[in-house]
Amino acid sequence: MLGLGSVTSRSPGVQARLNQYQAQLQQARRDAAQAQDRVAQLEQQAQVARQDSARADDKVRGLESQPPRADEGSTGNTRKRINTLSQLSGTVLDVTA
């Protein structure tokens, strides 16, 4: 700094450029700090989103591994149904055994 002081005291143009440079540098540092804060926020949001996604995937796998049974919902009805395909009409016939 001592060297700069002696140079800038001789030339007002150099002092003005130095002041402008320092102002630009200070602004650039503020901008960089704001950008780093934004990156940190986005990384945190991404982490939360990854956790939500993992929970949703686990829920999907859990539901896929436990499909409903065909006879659920029929209380007291222990008869099994036999479905046959009608070749002529293309409808499904429900035959109770």
C-alpha atoms as a PDB file:
ATOM      1  CA  MET A   1       0.000   0.000   0.000  1.00  0.00           C
ATOM      2  CA  LEU A   2       2.868   2.395   0.641  1.00  0.00           C
ATOM      3  CA  GLY A   3       3.958   2.105  -2.961  1.00  0.00           C
ATOM      4  CA  LEU A   4       0.458   2.845  -4.241  1.00  0.00           C
ATOM      5  CA  GLY A   5       0.144   5.867  -1.957  1.00  0.00           C
ATOM      6  CA  SER A   6       3.203   7.486  -3.422  1.00  0.00           C
ATOM      7  CA  VAL A   7       2.065   6.788  -6.986  1.00  0.00           C
ATOM      8  CA  THR A   8      -1.482   8.002  -6.474  1.00  0.00           C
ATOM      9  CA  SER A   9      -0.406  11.196  -4.729  1.00  0.00           C
ATOM     10  CA  ARG A  10       1.380  12.250  -7.909  1.00  0.00           C
ATOM     11  CA  SER A  11      -1.443  11.570 -10.357  1.00  0.00           C
ATOM     12  CA  PRO A  12      -5.164  12.255  -9.730  1.00  0.00           C
ATOM     13  CA  GLY A  13      -6.077  10.140 -12.780  1.00  0.00           C
ATOM     14  CA  VAL A  14      -4.423   7.096 -11.242  1.00  0.00           C
ATOM     15  CA  GLN A  15      -6.274   7.718  -7.957  1.00  0.00           C
ATOM     16  CA  ALA A  16      -9.605   7.904  -9.804  1.00  0.00           C
ATOM     17  CA  ARG A  17      -8.916   4.642 -11.644  1.00  0.00           C
ATOM     18  CA  LEU A  18      -7.870   2.990  -8.395  1.00  0.00           C
ATOM     19  CA  ASN A  19     -11.049   4.162  -6.664  1.00  0.00           C
ATOM     20  CA  GLN A  20     -13.152   2.894  -9.577  1.00  0.00           C
ATOM     21  CA  TYR A  21     -11.313  -0.429  -9.509  1.00  0.00           C
ATOM     22  CA  GLN A  22     -11.877  -0.812  -5.765  1.00  0.00           C
ATOM     23  CA  ALA A  23     -15.587  -0.002  -6.141  1.00  0.00           C
ATOM     24  CA  GLN A  24     -15.947  -2.535  -8.955  1.00  0.00           C
ATOM     25  CA  LEU A  25     -14.050  -5.131  -6.956  1.00  0.00           C
ATOM     26  CA  GLN A  26     -16.243  -4.539  -3.918  1.00  0.00           C
ATOM     27  CA  GLN A  27     -19.403  -4.859  -6.059  1.00  0.00           C
ATOM     28  CA  ALA A  28     -18.079  -8.037  -7.683  1.00  0.00           C
ATOM     29  CA  ARG A  29     -17.401  -9.508  -4.235  1.00  0.00           C
ATOM     30  CA  ARG A  30     -20.966  -8.668  -3.131  1.00  0.00           C
ATOM     31  CA  ASP A  31     -22.343 -10.247  -6.301  1.00  0.00           C
ATOM     32  CA  ALA A  32     -20.221 -13.361  -5.746  1.00  0.00           C
ATOM     33  CA  ALA A  33     -21.391 -13.640  -2.130  1.00  0.00           C
ATOM     34  CA  GLN A  34     -25.032 -13.329  -3.234  1.00  0.00           C
ATOM     35  CA  ALA A  35     -24.491 -15.970  -5.907  1.00  0.00           C
ATOM     36  CA  GLN A  36     -22.916 -18.313  -3.357  1.00  0.00           C
ATOM     37  CA  ASP A  37     -25.898 -17.797  -1.041  1.00  0.00           C
ATOM     38  CA  ARG A  38     -28.267 -18.585  -3.910  1.00  0.00           C
ATOM     39  CA  VAL A  39     -26.308 -21.729  -4.772  1.00  0.00           C
ATOM     40  CA  ALA A  40     -26.485 -22.843  -1.129  1.00  0.00           C
ATOM     41  CA  GLN A  41     -30.254 -22.272  -1.086  1.00  0.00           C
ATOM     42  CA  LEU A  42     -30.726 -24.195  -4.321  1.00  0.00           C
ATOM     43  CA  GLU A  43     -28.566 -27.044  -3.061  1.00  0.00           C
ATOM     44  CA  GLN A  44     -30.682 -27.219   0.083  1.00  0.00           C
ATOM     45  CA  GLN A  45     -33.874 -27.235  -1.982  1.00  0.00           C
ATOM     46  CA  ALA A  46     -32.419 -29.944  -4.215  1.00  0.00           C
ATOM     47  CA  GLN A  47     -31.572 -32.051  -1.150  1.00  0.00           C
ATOM     48  CA  VAL A  48     -35.132 -31.712   0.146  1.00  0.00           C
ATOM     49  CA  ALA A  49     -36.476 -32.612  -3.305  1.00  0.00           C
ATOM     50  CA  ARG A  50     -34.213 -35.695  -3.443  1.00  0.00           C
ATOM     51  CA  GLN A  51     -35.491 -36.793  -0.030  1.00  0.00           C
ATOM     52  CA  ASP A  52     -39.113 -36.269  -1.138  1.00  0.00           C
ATOM     53  CA  SER A  53     -38.424 -38.236  -4.298  1.00  0.00           C
ATOM     54  CA  ALA A  54     -36.847 -41.103  -2.351  1.00  0.00           C
ATOM     55  CA  ARG A  55     -39.850 -41.232   0.007  1.00  0.00           C
ATOM     56  CA  ALA A  56     -42.237 -41.256  -2.954  1.00  0.00           C
ATOM     57  CA  ASP A  57     -40.233 -44.037  -4.638  1.00  0.00           C
ATOM     58  CA  ASP A  58     -40.303 -46.062  -1.417  1.00  0.00           C
ATOM     59  CA  LYS A  59     -44.062 -45.601  -1.202  1.00  0.00           C
ATOM     60  CA  VAL A  60     -44.483 -46.742  -4.816  1.00  0.00           C
ATOM     61  CA  ARG A  61     -42.343 -49.834  -4.200  1.00  0.00           C
ATOM     62  CA  GLY A  62     -44.270 -50.592  -1.037  1.00  0.00           C
ATOM     63  CA  LEU A  63     -47.605 -50.341  -2.811  1.00  0.00           C
ATOM     64  CA  GLU A  64     -46.355 -52.364  -5.783  1.00  0.00           C
ATOM     65  CA  SER A  65     -45.220 -55.145  -3.485  1.00  0.00           C
ATOM     66  CA  GLN A  66     -48.637 -55.335  -1.808  1.00  0.00           C
ATOM     67  CA  PRO A  67     -51.329 -55.336  -4.488  1.00  0.00           C
ATOM     68  CA  PRO A  68     -54.894 -55.789  -3.229  1.00  0.00           C
ATOM     69  CA  ARG A  69     -56.208 -59.312  -3.127  1.00  0.00           C
ATOM     70  CA  ALA A  70     -58.946 -60.163  -5.595  1.00  0.00           C
ATOM     71  CA  ASP A  71     -61.352 -61.255  -2.848  1.00  0.00           C
ATOM     72  CA  GLU A  72     -60.853 -58.195  -0.634  1.00  0.00           C
ATOM     73  CA  GLY A  73     -63.928 -56.149   0.010  1.00  0.00           C
ATOM     74  CA  SER A  74     -66.305 -59.109  -0.174  1.00  0.00           C
ATOM     75  CA  THR A  75     -67.236 -59.655   3.455  1.00  0.00           C
ATOM     76  CA  GLY A  76     -68.438 -63.112   4.333  1.00  0.00           C
ATOM     77  CA  ASN A  77     -68.386 -64.231   0.722  1.00  0.00           C
ATOM     78  CA  THR A  78     -66.054 -67.241   0.554  1.00  0.00           C
ATOM     79  CA  ARG A  79     -67.199 -68.424  -2.864  1.00  0.00           C
ATOM     80  CA  LYS A  80     -64.564 -68.283  -5.556  1.00  0.00           C
ATOM     81  CA  ARG A  81     -65.414 -66.798  -8.901  1.00  0.00           C
ATOM     82  CA  ILE A  82     -64.376 -68.353 -12.163  1.00  0.00           C
ATOM     83  CA  ASN A  83     -64.133 -65.953 -15.068  1.00  0.00           C
ATOM     84  CA  THR A  84     -64.389 -67.350 -18.557  1.00  0.00           C
ATOM     85  CA  LEU A  85     -64.172 -65.496 -21.820  1.00  0.00           C
ATOM     86  CA  SER A  86     -67.144 -65.794 -24.145  1.00  0.00           C
ATOM     87  CA  GLN A  87     -65.733 -66.388 -27.580  1.00  0.00           C
ATOM     88  CA  LEU A  88     -68.870 -65.279 -29.431  1.00  0.00           C
ATOM     89  CA  SER A  89     -69.783 -62.022 -27.744  1.00  0.00           C
ATOM     90  CA  GLY A  90     -66.395 -60.989 -26.363  1.00  0.00           C
ATOM     91  CA  THR A  91     -67.795 -60.434 -22.875  1.00  0.00           C
ATOM     92  CA  VAL A  92     -66.584 -61.915 -19.619  1.00  0.00           C
ATOM     93  CA  LEU A  93     -68.965 -64.344 -17.967  1.00  0.00           C
ATOM     94  CA  ASP A  94     -69.002 -64.422 -14.155  1.00  0.00           C
ATOM     95  CA  VAL A  95     -69.597 -67.992 -13.035  1.00  0.00           C
ATOM     96  CA  THR A  96     -69.775 -68.608  -9.297  1.00  0.00           C
ATOM     97  CA  ALA A  97     -68.549 -72.032  -8.266  1.00  0.00           C
END
